[in-house]
Amino acid sequence: MDSEGKIPDVDKKILNVEDLNVEILPVIYEIIRSIERDNHHDNTSKTRDSADCSQKVLELQKRLDQARQEIRMLPGIDFSKEQQLQHLEALKTQLRKKQELLQKYRYMYPFDNQKP
């Protein structure tokens, strides 16, 4: 813990939404396809298909866990909706003030060109 009482997040890297790897639809499609197969003529094919389907479900679970972990690393995810809206409003106010200052000082004389 540092002097402010916060735990430093040294091992966490900053992710963007575009960086997330949440490709789960292909795995879900494979699970559904393996369930829909009509190769249940003998016990060996049933057992093999069941084991294959179980393996795909485990892969889906692994990908979902990875997606949850990556989502927890997104910046701002630990703030509530109200906190995010308050922060957004503060940023909008700050932007508005800066735009007003720019308009105010845009037409002033530059310091080096002031007339005596």
PDB file of N, CA and C in Angstrom:
ATOM      1  N   MET A   1       0.838  -1.179   0.000  1.00  0.00           N
ATOM      2  CA  MET A   1       0.000   0.000   0.000  1.00  0.00           C
ATOM      3  C   MET A   1       0.882   1.241   0.000  1.00  0.00           C
ATOM      4  N   ASP A   2       0.455   2.271  -0.712  1.00  0.00           N
ATOM      5  CA  ASP A   2       1.228   3.491  -0.716  1.00  0.00           C
ATOM      6  C   ASP A   2       0.747   4.431   0.387  1.00  0.00           C
ATOM      7  N   SER A   3       1.290   5.652   0.401  1.00  0.00           N
ATOM      8  CA  SER A   3       0.993   6.561   1.494  1.00  0.00           C
ATOM      9  C   SER A   3      -0.459   7.028   1.513  1.00  0.00           C
ATOM     10  N   GLU A   4      -1.164   6.933   0.403  1.00  0.00           N
ATOM     11  CA  GLU A   4      -2.564   7.353   0.356  1.00  0.00           C
ATOM     12  C   GLU A   4      -3.521   6.240   0.752  1.00  0.00           C
ATOM     13  N   GLY A   5      -3.012   5.047   0.997  1.00  0.00           N
ATOM     14  CA  GLY A   5      -3.869   3.949   1.406  1.00  0.00           C
ATOM     15  C   GLY A   5      -4.424   3.151   0.238  1.00  0.00           C
ATOM     16  N   LYS A   6      -3.918   3.409  -0.957  1.00  0.00           N
ATOM     17  CA  LYS A   6      -4.386   2.684  -2.134  1.00  0.00           C
ATOM     18  C   LYS A   6      -3.376   1.615  -2.505  1.00  0.00           C
ATOM     19  N   ILE A   7      -3.848   0.536  -3.060  1.00  0.00           N
ATOM     20  CA  ILE A   7      -2.971  -0.532  -3.523  1.00  0.00           C
ATOM     21  C   ILE A   7      -2.556  -0.210  -4.949  1.00  0.00           C
ATOM     22  N   PRO A   8      -1.259  -0.133  -5.226  1.00  0.00           N
ATOM     23  CA  PRO A   8      -0.841   0.196  -6.588  1.00  0.00           C
ATOM     24  C   PRO A   8      -1.153  -0.947  -7.548  1.00  0.00           C
ATOM     25  N   ASP A   9      -1.589  -0.594  -8.740  1.00  0.00           N
ATOM     26  CA  ASP A   9      -1.932  -1.578  -9.765  1.00  0.00           C
ATOM     27  C   ASP A   9      -0.784  -1.687 -10.762  1.00  0.00           C
ATOM     28  N   VAL A  10       0.354  -2.166 -10.297  1.00  0.00           N
ATOM     29  CA  VAL A  10       1.523  -2.244 -11.152  1.00  0.00           C
ATOM     30  C   VAL A  10       1.379  -3.363 -12.174  1.00  0.00           C
ATOM     31  N   ASP A  11       0.778  -4.490 -11.782  1.00  0.00           N
ATOM     32  CA  ASP A  11       0.709  -5.646 -12.666  1.00  0.00           C
ATOM     33  C   ASP A  11      -0.457  -5.575 -13.647  1.00  0.00           C
ATOM     34  N   LYS A  12      -1.335  -4.595 -13.526  1.00  0.00           N
ATOM     35  CA  LYS A  12      -2.473  -4.475 -14.442  1.00  0.00           C
ATOM     36  C   LYS A  12      -2.078  -3.603 -15.622  1.00  0.00           C
ATOM     37  N   LYS A  13      -2.390  -4.060 -16.829  1.00  0.00           N
ATOM     38  CA  LYS A  13      -2.143  -3.215 -17.988  1.00  0.00           C
ATOM     39  C   LYS A  13      -3.464  -2.593 -18.420  1.00  0.00           C
ATOM     40  N   ILE A  14      -3.390  -1.451 -19.045  1.00  0.00           N
ATOM     41  CA  ILE A  14      -4.582  -0.722 -19.466  1.00  0.00           C
ATOM     42  C   ILE A  14      -5.054  -1.294 -20.799  1.00  0.00           C
ATOM     43  N   LEU A  15      -6.323  -1.654 -20.850  1.00  0.00           N
ATOM     44  CA  LEU A  15      -6.930  -2.188 -22.063  1.00  0.00           C
ATOM     45  C   LEU A  15      -7.962  -1.217 -22.605  1.00  0.00           C
ATOM     46  N   ASN A  16      -8.164  -1.281 -23.896  1.00  0.00           N
ATOM     47  CA  ASN A  16      -9.275  -0.584 -24.533  1.00  0.00           C
ATOM     48  C   ASN A  16     -10.309  -1.622 -24.904  1.00  0.00           C
ATOM     49  N   VAL A  17     -11.502  -1.167 -25.198  1.00  0.00           N
ATOM     50  CA  VAL A  17     -12.564  -2.089 -25.593  1.00  0.00           C
ATOM     51  C   VAL A  17     -12.166  -2.830 -26.870  1.00  0.00           C
ATOM     52  N   GLU A  18     -11.448  -2.143 -27.764  1.00  0.00           N
ATOM     53  CA  GLU A  18     -11.027  -2.769 -29.017  1.00  0.00           C
ATOM     54  C   GLU A  18     -10.025  -3.900 -28.781  1.00  0.00           C
ATOM     55  N   ASP A  19      -9.302  -3.865 -27.649  1.00  0.00           N
ATOM     56  CA  ASP A  19      -8.289  -4.870 -27.349  1.00  0.00           C
ATOM     57  C   ASP A  19      -8.869  -6.148 -26.753  1.00  0.00           C
ATOM     58  N   LEU A  20     -10.136  -6.131 -26.375  1.00  0.00           N
ATOM     59  CA  LEU A  20     -10.736  -7.295 -25.733  1.00  0.00           C
ATOM     60  C   LEU A  20     -10.826  -8.461 -26.710  1.00  0.00           C
ATOM     61  N   ASN A  21     -10.563  -9.646 -26.204  1.00  0.00           N
ATOM     62  CA  ASN A  21     -10.651 -10.856 -27.011  1.00  0.00           C
ATOM     63  C   ASN A  21     -11.798 -11.697 -26.451  1.00  0.00           C
ATOM     64  N   VAL A  22     -12.990 -11.475 -26.971  1.00  0.00           N
ATOM     65  CA  VAL A  22     -14.171 -12.168 -26.455  1.00  0.00           C
ATOM     66  C   VAL A  22     -14.875 -12.945 -27.569  1.00  0.00           C
ATOM     67  N   GLU A  23     -14.111 -13.685 -28.310  1.00  0.00           N
ATOM     68  CA  GLU A  23     -14.663 -14.497 -29.398  1.00  0.00           C
ATOM     69  C   GLU A  23     -15.264 -15.775 -28.820  1.00  0.00           C
ATOM     70  N   ILE A  24     -16.565 -15.740 -28.508  1.00  0.00           N
ATOM     71  CA  ILE A  24     -17.211 -16.922 -27.943  1.00  0.00           C
ATOM     72  C   ILE A  24     -18.238 -17.524 -28.891  1.00  0.00           C
ATOM     73  N   LEU A  25     -18.682 -16.761 -29.878  1.00  0.00           N
ATOM     74  CA  LEU A  25     -19.706 -17.274 -30.787  1.00  0.00           C
ATOM     75  C   LEU A  25     -19.257 -18.503 -31.579  1.00  0.00           C
ATOM     76  N   PRO A  26     -18.024 -18.564 -32.081  1.00  0.00           N
ATOM     77  CA  PRO A  26     -17.615 -19.784 -32.787  1.00  0.00           C
ATOM     78  C   PRO A  26     -17.665 -21.030 -31.901  1.00  0.00           C
ATOM     79  N   VAL A  27     -17.314 -20.881 -30.635  1.00  0.00           N
ATOM     80  CA  VAL A  27     -17.334 -22.028 -29.720  1.00  0.00           C
ATOM     81  C   VAL A  27     -18.779 -22.445 -29.453  1.00  0.00           C
ATOM     82  N   ILE A  28     -19.661 -21.476 -29.261  1.00  0.00           N
ATOM     83  CA  ILE A  28     -21.079 -21.787 -29.040  1.00  0.00           C
ATOM     84  C   ILE A  28     -21.652 -22.494 -30.272  1.00  0.00           C
ATOM     85  N   TYR A  29     -21.270 -22.006 -31.449  1.00  0.00           N
ATOM     86  CA  TYR A  29     -21.732 -22.627 -32.690  1.00  0.00           C
ATOM     87  C   TYR A  29     -21.266 -24.081 -32.778  1.00  0.00           C
ATOM     88  N   GLU A  30     -20.028 -24.337 -32.425  1.00  0.00           N
ATOM     89  CA  GLU A  30     -19.499 -25.710 -32.455  1.00  0.00           C
ATOM     90  C   GLU A  30     -20.230 -26.606 -31.455  1.00  0.00           C
ATOM     91  N   ILE A  31     -20.559 -26.086 -30.295  1.00  0.00           N
ATOM     92  CA  ILE A  31     -21.300 -26.867 -29.291  1.00  0.00           C
ATOM     93  C   ILE A  31     -22.676 -27.229 -29.829  1.00  0.00           C
ATOM     94  N   ILE A  32     -23.366 -26.247 -30.386  1.00  0.00           N
ATOM     95  CA  ILE A  32     -24.706 -26.506 -30.927  1.00  0.00           C
ATOM     96  C   ILE A  32     -24.630 -27.494 -32.076  1.00  0.00           C
ATOM     97  N   ARG A  33     -23.635 -27.330 -32.931  1.00  0.00           N
ATOM     98  CA  ARG A  33     -23.482 -28.247 -34.066  1.00  0.00           C
ATOM     99  C   ARG A  33     -23.204 -29.680 -33.606  1.00  0.00           C
ATOM    100  N   SER A  34     -22.391 -29.825 -32.571  1.00  0.00           N
ATOM    101  CA  SER A  34     -22.095 -31.178 -32.095  1.00  0.00           C
ATOM    102  C   SER A  34     -23.311 -31.806 -31.415  1.00  0.00           C
ATOM    103  N   ILE A  35     -24.166 -30.996 -30.818  1.00  0.00           N
ATOM    104  CA  ILE A  35     -25.379 -31.528 -30.194  1.00  0.00           C
ATOM    105  C   ILE A  35     -26.383 -31.938 -31.259  1.00  0.00           C
ATOM    106  N   GLU A  36     -26.462 -31.169 -32.340  1.00  0.00           N
ATOM    107  CA  GLU A  36     -27.442 -31.430 -33.387  1.00  0.00           C
ATOM    108  C   GLU A  36     -27.076 -32.601 -34.298  1.00  0.00           C
ATOM    109  N   ARG A  37     -25.837 -33.060 -34.249  1.00  0.00           N
ATOM    110  CA  ARG A  37     -25.429 -34.171 -35.114  1.00  0.00           C
ATOM    111  C   ARG A  37     -26.299 -35.395 -34.857  1.00  0.00           C
ATOM    112  N   ASP A  38     -26.556 -36.095 -35.912  1.00  0.00           N
ATOM    113  CA  ASP A  38     -27.408 -37.281 -35.806  1.00  0.00           C
ATOM    114  C   ASP A  38     -26.568 -38.538 -35.984  1.00  0.00           C
ATOM    115  N   ASN A  39     -25.439 -38.626 -35.305  1.00  0.00           N
ATOM    116  CA  ASN A  39     -24.551 -39.783 -35.392  1.00  0.00           C
ATOM    117  C   ASN A  39     -24.672 -40.664 -34.153  1.00  0.00           C
ATOM    118  N   HIS A  40     -25.846 -40.835 -33.665  1.00  0.00           N
ATOM    119  CA  HIS A  40     -26.033 -41.606 -32.437  1.00  0.00           C
ATOM    120  C   HIS A  40     -26.514 -43.022 -32.747  1.00  0.00           C
ATOM    121  N   HIS A  41     -25.840 -43.661 -33.703  1.00  0.00           N
ATOM    122  CA  HIS A  41     -26.221 -45.026 -34.067  1.00  0.00           C
ATOM    123  C   HIS A  41     -25.624 -46.058 -33.117  1.00  0.00           C
ATOM    124  N   ASP A  42     -24.462 -45.781 -32.574  1.00  0.00           N
ATOM    125  CA  ASP A  42     -23.849 -46.736 -31.646  1.00  0.00           C
ATOM    126  C   ASP A  42     -23.303 -46.000 -30.431  1.00  0.00           C
ATOM    127  N   ASN A  43     -22.942 -46.792 -29.430  1.00  0.00           N
ATOM    128  CA  ASN A  43     -22.477 -46.208 -28.168  1.00  0.00           C
ATOM    129  C   ASN A  43     -21.134 -45.518 -28.296  1.00  0.00           C
ATOM    130  N   THR A  44     -20.253 -46.002 -29.134  1.00  0.00           N
ATOM    131  CA  THR A  44     -18.928 -45.380 -29.257  1.00  0.00           C
ATOM    132  C   THR A  44     -19.023 -43.976 -29.845  1.00  0.00           C
ATOM    133  N   SER A  45     -19.905 -43.793 -30.818  1.00  0.00           N
ATOM    134  CA  SER A  45     -20.046 -42.449 -31.390  1.00  0.00           C
ATOM    135  C   SER A  45     -20.732 -41.516 -30.395  1.00  0.00           C
ATOM    136  N   LYS A  46     -21.672 -42.060 -29.608  1.00  0.00           N
ATOM    137  CA  LYS A  46     -22.313 -41.241 -28.571  1.00  0.00           C
ATOM    138  C   LYS A  46     -21.284 -40.786 -27.544  1.00  0.00           C
ATOM    139  N   THR A  47     -20.433 -41.703 -27.120  1.00  0.00           N
ATOM    140  CA  THR A  47     -19.417 -41.387 -26.124  1.00  0.00           C
ATOM    141  C   THR A  47     -18.422 -40.377 -26.672  1.00  0.00           C
ATOM    142  N   ARG A  48     -17.999 -40.583 -27.914  1.00  0.00           N
ATOM    143  CA  ARG A  48     -17.043 -39.676 -28.538  1.00  0.00           C
ATOM    144  C   ARG A  48     -17.661 -38.275 -28.699  1.00  0.00           C
ATOM    145  N   ASP A  49     -18.912 -38.209 -29.165  1.00  0.00           N
ATOM    146  CA  ASP A  49     -19.583 -36.923 -29.334  1.00  0.00           C
ATOM    147  C   ASP A  49     -19.796 -36.228 -27.994  1.00  0.00           C
ATOM    148  N   SER A  50     -20.128 -37.008 -26.971  1.00  0.00           N
ATOM    149  CA  SER A  50     -20.327 -36.445 -25.645  1.00  0.00           C
ATOM    150  C   SER A  50     -19.017 -35.879 -25.095  1.00  0.00           C
ATOM    151  N   ALA A  51     -17.922 -36.601 -25.275  1.00  0.00           N
ATOM    152  CA  ALA A  51     -16.619 -36.126 -24.812  1.00  0.00           C
ATOM    153  C   ALA A  51     -16.198 -34.884 -25.588  1.00  0.00           C
ATOM    154  N   ASP A  52     -16.473 -34.880 -26.893  1.00  0.00           N
ATOM    155  CA  ASP A  52     -16.142 -33.728 -27.733  1.00  0.00           C
ATOM    156  C   ASP A  52     -16.943 -32.506 -27.288  1.00  0.00           C
ATOM    157  N   CYS A  53     -18.206 -32.698 -27.023  1.00  0.00           N
ATOM    158  CA  CYS A  53     -19.067 -31.607 -26.570  1.00  0.00           C
ATOM    159  C   CYS A  53     -18.615 -31.100 -25.200  1.00  0.00           C
ATOM    160  N   SER A  54     -18.245 -31.990 -24.323  1.00  0.00           N
ATOM    161  CA  SER A  54     -17.760 -31.592 -22.996  1.00  0.00           C
ATOM    162  C   SER A  54     -16.482 -30.758 -23.114  1.00  0.00           C
ATOM    163  N   GLN A  55     -15.611 -31.152 -24.021  1.00  0.00           N
ATOM    164  CA  GLN A  55     -14.371 -30.411 -24.243  1.00  0.00           C
ATOM    165  C   GLN A  55     -14.668 -28.995 -24.750  1.00  0.00           C
ATOM    166  N   LYS A  56     -15.645 -28.890 -25.638  1.00  0.00           N
ATOM    167  CA  LYS A  56     -16.012 -27.581 -26.175  1.00  0.00           C
ATOM    168  C   LYS A  56     -16.668 -26.705 -25.108  1.00  0.00           C
ATOM    169  N   VAL A  57     -17.439 -27.304 -24.221  1.00  0.00           N
ATOM    170  CA  VAL A  57     -18.042 -26.544 -23.120  1.00  0.00           C
ATOM    171  C   VAL A  57     -16.948 -26.032 -22.187  1.00  0.00           C
ATOM    172  N   LEU A  58     -15.928 -26.839 -21.933  1.00  0.00           N
ATOM    173  CA  LEU A  58     -14.812 -26.392 -21.100  1.00  0.00           C
ATOM    174  C   LEU A  58     -14.055 -25.242 -21.769  1.00  0.00           C
ATOM    175  N   GLU A  59     -13.897 -25.326 -23.086  1.00  0.00           N
ATOM    176  CA  GLU A  59     -13.239 -24.239 -23.818  1.00  0.00           C
ATOM    177  C   GLU A  59     -14.070 -22.955 -23.736  1.00  0.00           C
ATOM    178  N   LEU A  60     -15.398 -23.095 -23.843  1.00  0.00           N
ATOM    179  CA  LEU A  60     -16.280 -21.935 -23.708  1.00  0.00           C
ATOM    180  C   LEU A  60     -16.149 -21.325 -22.322  1.00  0.00           C
ATOM    181  N   GLN A  61     -16.121 -22.141 -21.300  1.00  0.00           N
ATOM    182  CA  GLN A  61     -15.968 -21.649 -19.926  1.00  0.00           C
ATOM    183  C   GLN A  61     -14.644 -20.914 -19.763  1.00  0.00           C
ATOM    184  N   LYS A  62     -13.583 -21.452 -20.356  1.00  0.00           N
ATOM    185  CA  LYS A  62     -12.273 -20.810 -20.276  1.00  0.00           C
ATOM    186  C   LYS A  62     -12.298 -19.448 -20.963  1.00  0.00           C
ATOM    187  N   ARG A  63     -12.937 -19.368 -22.117  1.00  0.00           N
ATOM    188  CA  ARG A  63     -13.016 -18.086 -22.840  1.00  0.00           C
ATOM    189  C   ARG A  63     -13.877 -17.069 -22.086  1.00  0.00           C
ATOM    190  N   LEU A  64     -14.948 -17.533 -21.462  1.00  0.00           N
ATOM    191  CA  LEU A  64     -15.783 -16.625 -20.673  1.00  0.00           C
ATOM    192  C   LEU A  64     -15.022 -16.083 -19.467  1.00  0.00           C
ATOM    193  N   ASP A  65     -14.248 -16.950 -18.809  1.00  0.00           N
ATOM    194  CA  ASP A  65     -13.437 -16.504 -17.672  1.00  0.00           C
ATOM    195  C   ASP A  65     -12.393 -15.487 -18.123  1.00  0.00           C
ATOM    196  N   GLN A  66     -11.777 -15.736 -19.280  1.00  0.00           N
ATOM    197  CA  GLN A  66     -10.787 -14.804 -19.821  1.00  0.00           C
ATOM    198  C   GLN A  66     -11.446 -13.459 -20.147  1.00  0.00           C
ATOM    199  N   ALA A  67     -12.645 -13.488 -20.726  1.00  0.00           N
ATOM    200  CA  ALA A  67     -13.359 -12.258 -21.057  1.00  0.00           C
ATOM    201  C   ALA A  67     -13.697 -11.477 -19.782  1.00  0.00           C
ATOM    202  N   ARG A  68     -14.151 -12.179 -18.740  1.00  0.00           N
ATOM    203  CA  ARG A  68     -14.455 -11.506 -17.466  1.00  0.00           C
ATOM    204  C   ARG A  68     -13.215 -10.833 -16.899  1.00  0.00           C
ATOM    205  N   GLN A  69     -12.096 -11.541 -16.966  1.00  0.00           N
ATOM    206  CA  GLN A  69     -10.848 -11.006 -16.436  1.00  0.00           C
ATOM    207  C   GLN A  69     -10.416  -9.767 -17.219  1.00  0.00           C
ATOM    208  N   GLU A  70     -10.536  -9.803 -18.548  1.00  0.00           N
ATOM    209  CA  GLU A  70     -10.152  -8.655 -19.363  1.00  0.00           C
ATOM    210  C   GLU A  70     -11.093  -7.476 -19.129  1.00  0.00           C
ATOM    211  N   ILE A  71     -12.371  -7.738 -18.955  1.00  0.00           N
ATOM    212  CA  ILE A  71     -13.335  -6.662 -18.725  1.00  0.00           C
ATOM    213  C   ILE A  71     -13.049  -5.970 -17.398  1.00  0.00           C
ATOM    214  N   ARG A  72     -12.628  -6.728 -16.397  1.00  0.00           N
ATOM    215  CA  ARG A  72     -12.296  -6.125 -15.099  1.00  0.00           C
ATOM    216  C   ARG A  72     -11.095  -5.193 -15.202  1.00  0.00           C
ATOM    217  N   MET A  73     -10.277  -5.362 -16.237  1.00  0.00           N
ATOM    218  CA  MET A  73      -9.082  -4.535 -16.405  1.00  0.00           C
ATOM    219  C   MET A  73      -9.359  -3.255 -17.196  1.00  0.00           C
ATOM    220  N   LEU A  74     -10.575  -3.078 -17.699  1.00  0.00           N
ATOM    221  CA  LEU A  74     -10.908  -1.871 -18.446  1.00  0.00           C
ATOM    222  C   LEU A  74     -10.894  -0.662 -17.508  1.00  0.00           C
ATOM    223  N   PRO A  75     -10.386   0.468 -17.984  1.00  0.00           N
ATOM    224  CA  PRO A  75     -10.378   1.656 -17.124  1.00  0.00           C
ATOM    225  C   PRO A  75     -11.793   2.164 -16.891  1.00  0.00           C
ATOM    226  N   GLY A  76     -12.088   2.511 -15.648  1.00  0.00           N
ATOM    227  CA  GLY A  76     -13.380   3.073 -15.296  1.00  0.00           C
ATOM    228  C   GLY A  76     -14.437   2.047 -14.964  1.00  0.00           C
ATOM    229  N   ILE A  77     -14.125   0.764 -15.073  1.00  0.00           N
ATOM    230  CA  ILE A  77     -15.129  -0.272 -14.832  1.00  0.00           C
ATOM    231  C   ILE A  77     -15.477  -0.361 -13.348  1.00  0.00           C
ATOM    232  N   ASP A  78     -14.595   0.140 -12.498  1.00  0.00           N
ATOM    233  CA  ASP A  78     -14.845   0.056 -11.058  1.00  0.00           C
ATOM    234  C   ASP A  78     -15.690   1.215 -10.539  1.00  0.00           C
ATOM    235  N   PHE A  79     -16.085   2.151 -11.424  1.00  0.00           N
ATOM    236  CA  PHE A  79     -16.947   3.258 -11.030  1.00  0.00           C
ATOM    237  C   PHE A  79     -18.402   2.908 -11.300  1.00  0.00           C
ATOM    238  N   SER A  80     -19.274   3.416 -10.462  1.00  0.00           N
ATOM    239  CA  SER A  80     -20.712   3.194 -10.679  1.00  0.00           C
ATOM    240  C   SER A  80     -21.188   4.104 -11.806  1.00  0.00           C
ATOM    241  N   LYS A  81     -22.404   3.862 -12.262  1.00  0.00           N
ATOM    242  CA  LYS A  81     -22.966   4.677 -13.338  1.00  0.00           C
ATOM    243  C   LYS A  81     -23.079   6.130 -12.903  1.00  0.00           C
ATOM    244  N   GLU A  82     -23.491   6.362 -11.676  1.00  0.00           N
ATOM    245  CA  GLU A  82     -23.632   7.714 -11.164  1.00  0.00           C
ATOM    246  C   GLU A  82     -22.277   8.419 -11.118  1.00  0.00           C
ATOM    247  N   GLN A  83     -21.237   7.708 -10.677  1.00  0.00           N
ATOM    248  CA  GLN A  83     -19.905   8.296 -10.625  1.00  0.00           C
ATOM    249  C   GLN A  83     -19.409   8.634 -12.031  1.00  0.00           C
ATOM    250  N   GLN A  84     -19.678   7.755 -12.982  1.00  0.00           N
ATOM    251  CA  GLN A  84     -19.268   8.022 -14.361  1.00  0.00           C
ATOM    252  C   GLN A  84     -20.005   9.233 -14.917  1.00  0.00           C
ATOM    253  N   LEU A  85     -21.298   9.363 -14.616  1.00  0.00           N
ATOM    254  CA  LEU A  85     -22.059  10.514 -15.091  1.00  0.00           C
ATOM    255  C   LEU A  85     -21.573  11.807 -14.445  1.00  0.00           C
ATOM    256  N   GLN A  86     -21.224  11.765 -13.159  1.00  0.00           N
ATOM    257  CA  GLN A  86     -20.688  12.947 -12.488  1.00  0.00           C
ATOM    258  C   GLN A  86     -19.359  13.359 -13.108  1.00  0.00           C
ATOM    259  N   HIS A  87     -18.517  12.385 -13.387  1.00  0.00           N
ATOM    260  CA  HIS A  87     -17.220  12.672 -14.007  1.00  0.00           C
ATOM    261  C   HIS A  87     -17.418  13.259 -15.406  1.00  0.00           C
ATOM    262  N   LEU A  88     -18.347  12.707 -16.162  1.00  0.00           N
ATOM    263  CA  LEU A  88     -18.650  13.220 -17.494  1.00  0.00           C
ATOM    264  C   LEU A  88     -19.147  14.662 -17.415  1.00  0.00           C
ATOM    265  N   GLU A  89     -20.011  14.959 -16.466  1.00  0.00           N
ATOM    266  CA  GLU A  89     -20.532  16.312 -16.313  1.00  0.00           C
ATOM    267  C   GLU A  89     -19.417  17.283 -15.929  1.00  0.00           C
ATOM    268  N   ALA A  90     -18.504  16.843 -15.069  1.00  0.00           N
ATOM    269  CA  ALA A  90     -17.375  17.691 -14.684  1.00  0.00           C
ATOM    270  C   ALA A  90     -16.477  17.964 -15.895  1.00  0.00           C
ATOM    271  N   LEU A  91     -16.262  16.963 -16.718  1.00  0.00           N
ATOM    272  CA  LEU A  91     -15.450  17.158 -17.919  1.00  0.00           C
ATOM    273  C   LEU A  91     -16.141  18.086 -18.919  1.00  0.00           C
ATOM    274  N   LYS A  92     -17.456  17.976 -19.037  1.00  0.00           N
ATOM    275  CA  LYS A  92     -18.203  18.874 -19.934  1.00  0.00           C
ATOM    276  C   LYS A  92     -18.118  20.312 -19.443  1.00  0.00           C
ATOM    277  N   THR A  93     -18.232  20.506 -18.130  1.00  0.00           N
ATOM    278  CA  THR A  93     -18.122  21.844 -17.550  1.00  0.00           C
ATOM    279  C   THR A  93     -16.731  22.413 -17.794  1.00  0.00           C
ATOM    280  N   GLN A  94     -15.725  21.592 -17.603  1.00  0.00           N
ATOM    281  CA  GLN A  94     -14.351  22.016 -17.833  1.00  0.00           C
ATOM    282  C   GLN A  94     -14.139  22.392 -19.297  1.00  0.00           C
ATOM    283  N   LEU A  95     -14.674  21.629 -20.211  1.00  0.00           N
ATOM    284  CA  LEU A  95     -14.571  21.923 -21.637  1.00  0.00           C
ATOM    285  C   LEU A  95     -15.276  23.235 -21.968  1.00  0.00           C
ATOM    286  N   ARG A  96     -16.448  23.428 -21.418  1.00  0.00           N
ATOM    287  CA  ARG A  96     -17.213  24.649 -21.675  1.00  0.00           C
ATOM    288  C   ARG A  96     -16.438  25.875 -21.193  1.00  0.00           C
ATOM    289  N   LYS A  97     -15.824  25.799 -20.006  1.00  0.00           N
ATOM    290  CA  LYS A  97     -15.045  26.920 -19.475  1.00  0.00           C
ATOM    291  C   LYS A  97     -13.828  27.206 -20.349  1.00  0.00           C
ATOM    292  N   LYS A  98     -13.173  26.174 -20.813  1.00  0.00           N
ATOM    293  CA  LYS A  98     -12.001  26.370 -21.664  1.00  0.00           C
ATOM    294  C   LYS A  98     -12.399  26.977 -23.006  1.00  0.00           C
ATOM    295  N   GLN A  99     -13.532  26.557 -23.545  1.00  0.00           N
ATOM    296  CA  GLN A  99     -14.005  27.145 -24.802  1.00  0.00           C
ATOM    297  C   GLN A  99     -14.343  28.618 -24.609  1.00  0.00           C
ATOM    298  N   GLU A 100     -14.941  28.968 -23.479  1.00  0.00           N
ATOM    299  CA  GLU A 100     -15.256  30.366 -23.191  1.00  0.00           C
ATOM    300  C   GLU A 100     -13.989  31.196 -23.062  1.00  0.00           C
ATOM    301  N   LEU A 101     -12.973  30.638 -22.400  1.00  0.00           N
ATOM    302  CA  LEU A 101     -11.705  31.362 -22.277  1.00  0.00           C
ATOM    303  C   LEU A 101     -11.044  31.552 -23.635  1.00  0.00           C
ATOM    304  N   LEU A 102     -11.093  30.528 -24.470  1.00  0.00           N
ATOM    305  CA  LEU A 102     -10.533  30.661 -25.813  1.00  0.00           C
ATOM    306  C   LEU A 102     -11.241  31.759 -26.595  1.00  0.00           C
ATOM    307  N   GLN A 103     -12.560  31.816 -26.511  1.00  0.00           N
ATOM    308  CA  GLN A 103     -13.308  32.868 -27.201  1.00  0.00           C
ATOM    309  C   GLN A 103     -12.956  34.250 -26.640  1.00  0.00           C
ATOM    310  N   LYS A 104     -12.784  34.322 -25.339  1.00  0.00           N
ATOM    311  CA  LYS A 104     -12.491  35.595 -24.689  1.00  0.00           C
ATOM    312  C   LYS A 104     -11.113  36.120 -25.094  1.00  0.00           C
ATOM    313  N   TYR A 105     -10.118  35.243 -25.118  1.00  0.00           N
ATOM    314  CA  TYR A 105      -8.747  35.671 -25.371  1.00  0.00           C
ATOM    315  C   TYR A 105      -8.349  35.596 -26.843  1.00  0.00           C
ATOM    316  N   ARG A 106      -9.207  35.155 -27.685  1.00  0.00           N
ATOM    317  CA  ARG A 106      -8.864  35.001 -29.097  1.00  0.00           C
ATOM    318  C   ARG A 106      -8.567  36.335 -29.762  1.00  0.00           C
ATOM    319  N   TYR A 107      -9.314  37.359 -29.433  1.00  0.00           N
ATOM    320  CA  TYR A 107      -9.201  38.629 -30.130  1.00  0.00           C
ATOM    321  C   TYR A 107      -8.395  39.671 -29.352  1.00  0.00           C
ATOM    322  N   MET A 108      -7.735  39.255 -28.297  1.00  0.00           N
ATOM    323  CA  MET A 108      -6.873  40.186 -27.567  1.00  0.00           C
ATOM    324  C   MET A 108      -5.572  40.363 -28.332  1.00  0.00           C
ATOM    325  N   TYR A 109      -4.913  41.499 -28.073  1.00  0.00           N
ATOM    326  CA  TYR A 109      -3.614  41.730 -28.704  1.00  0.00           C
ATOM    327  C   TYR A 109      -2.585  40.779 -28.120  1.00  0.00           C
ATOM    328  N   PRO A 110      -1.714  40.252 -28.959  1.00  0.00           N
ATOM    329  CA  PRO A 110      -0.607  39.446 -28.423  1.00  0.00           C
ATOM    330  C   PRO A 110       0.319  40.335 -27.588  1.00  0.00           C
ATOM    331  N   PHE A 111       1.046  39.767 -26.673  1.00  0.00           N
ATOM    332  CA  PHE A 111       1.879  40.523 -25.756  1.00  0.00           C
ATOM    333  C   PHE A 111       2.970  41.296 -26.469  1.00  0.00           C
ATOM    334  N   ASP A 112       3.545  40.747 -27.503  1.00  0.00           N
ATOM    335  CA  ASP A 112       4.651  41.420 -28.180  1.00  0.00           C
ATOM    336  C   ASP A 112       4.186  42.523 -29.128  1.00  0.00           C
ATOM    337  N   ASN A 113       2.932  42.578 -29.452  1.00  0.00           N
ATOM    338  CA  ASN A 113       2.413  43.583 -30.366  1.00  0.00           C
ATOM    339  C   ASN A 113       1.575  44.660 -29.669  1.00  0.00           C
ATOM    340  N   GLN A 114       1.666  44.753 -28.358  1.00  0.00           N
ATOM    341  CA  GLN A 114       0.869  45.748 -27.639  1.00  0.00           C
ATOM    342  C   GLN A 114       1.347  47.135 -27.980  1.00  0.00           C
ATOM    343  N   LYS A 115       0.407  48.057 -28.111  1.00  0.00           N
ATOM    344  CA  LYS A 115       0.737  49.430 -28.424  1.00  0.00           C
ATOM    345  C   LYS A 115       0.932  50.193 -27.114  1.00  0.00           C
ATOM    346  N   PRO A 116       1.948  51.066 -27.046  1.00  0.00           N
ATOM    347  CA  PRO A 116       2.194  51.834 -25.818  1.00  0.00           C
ATOM    348  C   PRO A 116       1.193  52.911 -25.575  1.00  0.00           C
TER     349      PRO A 116
END
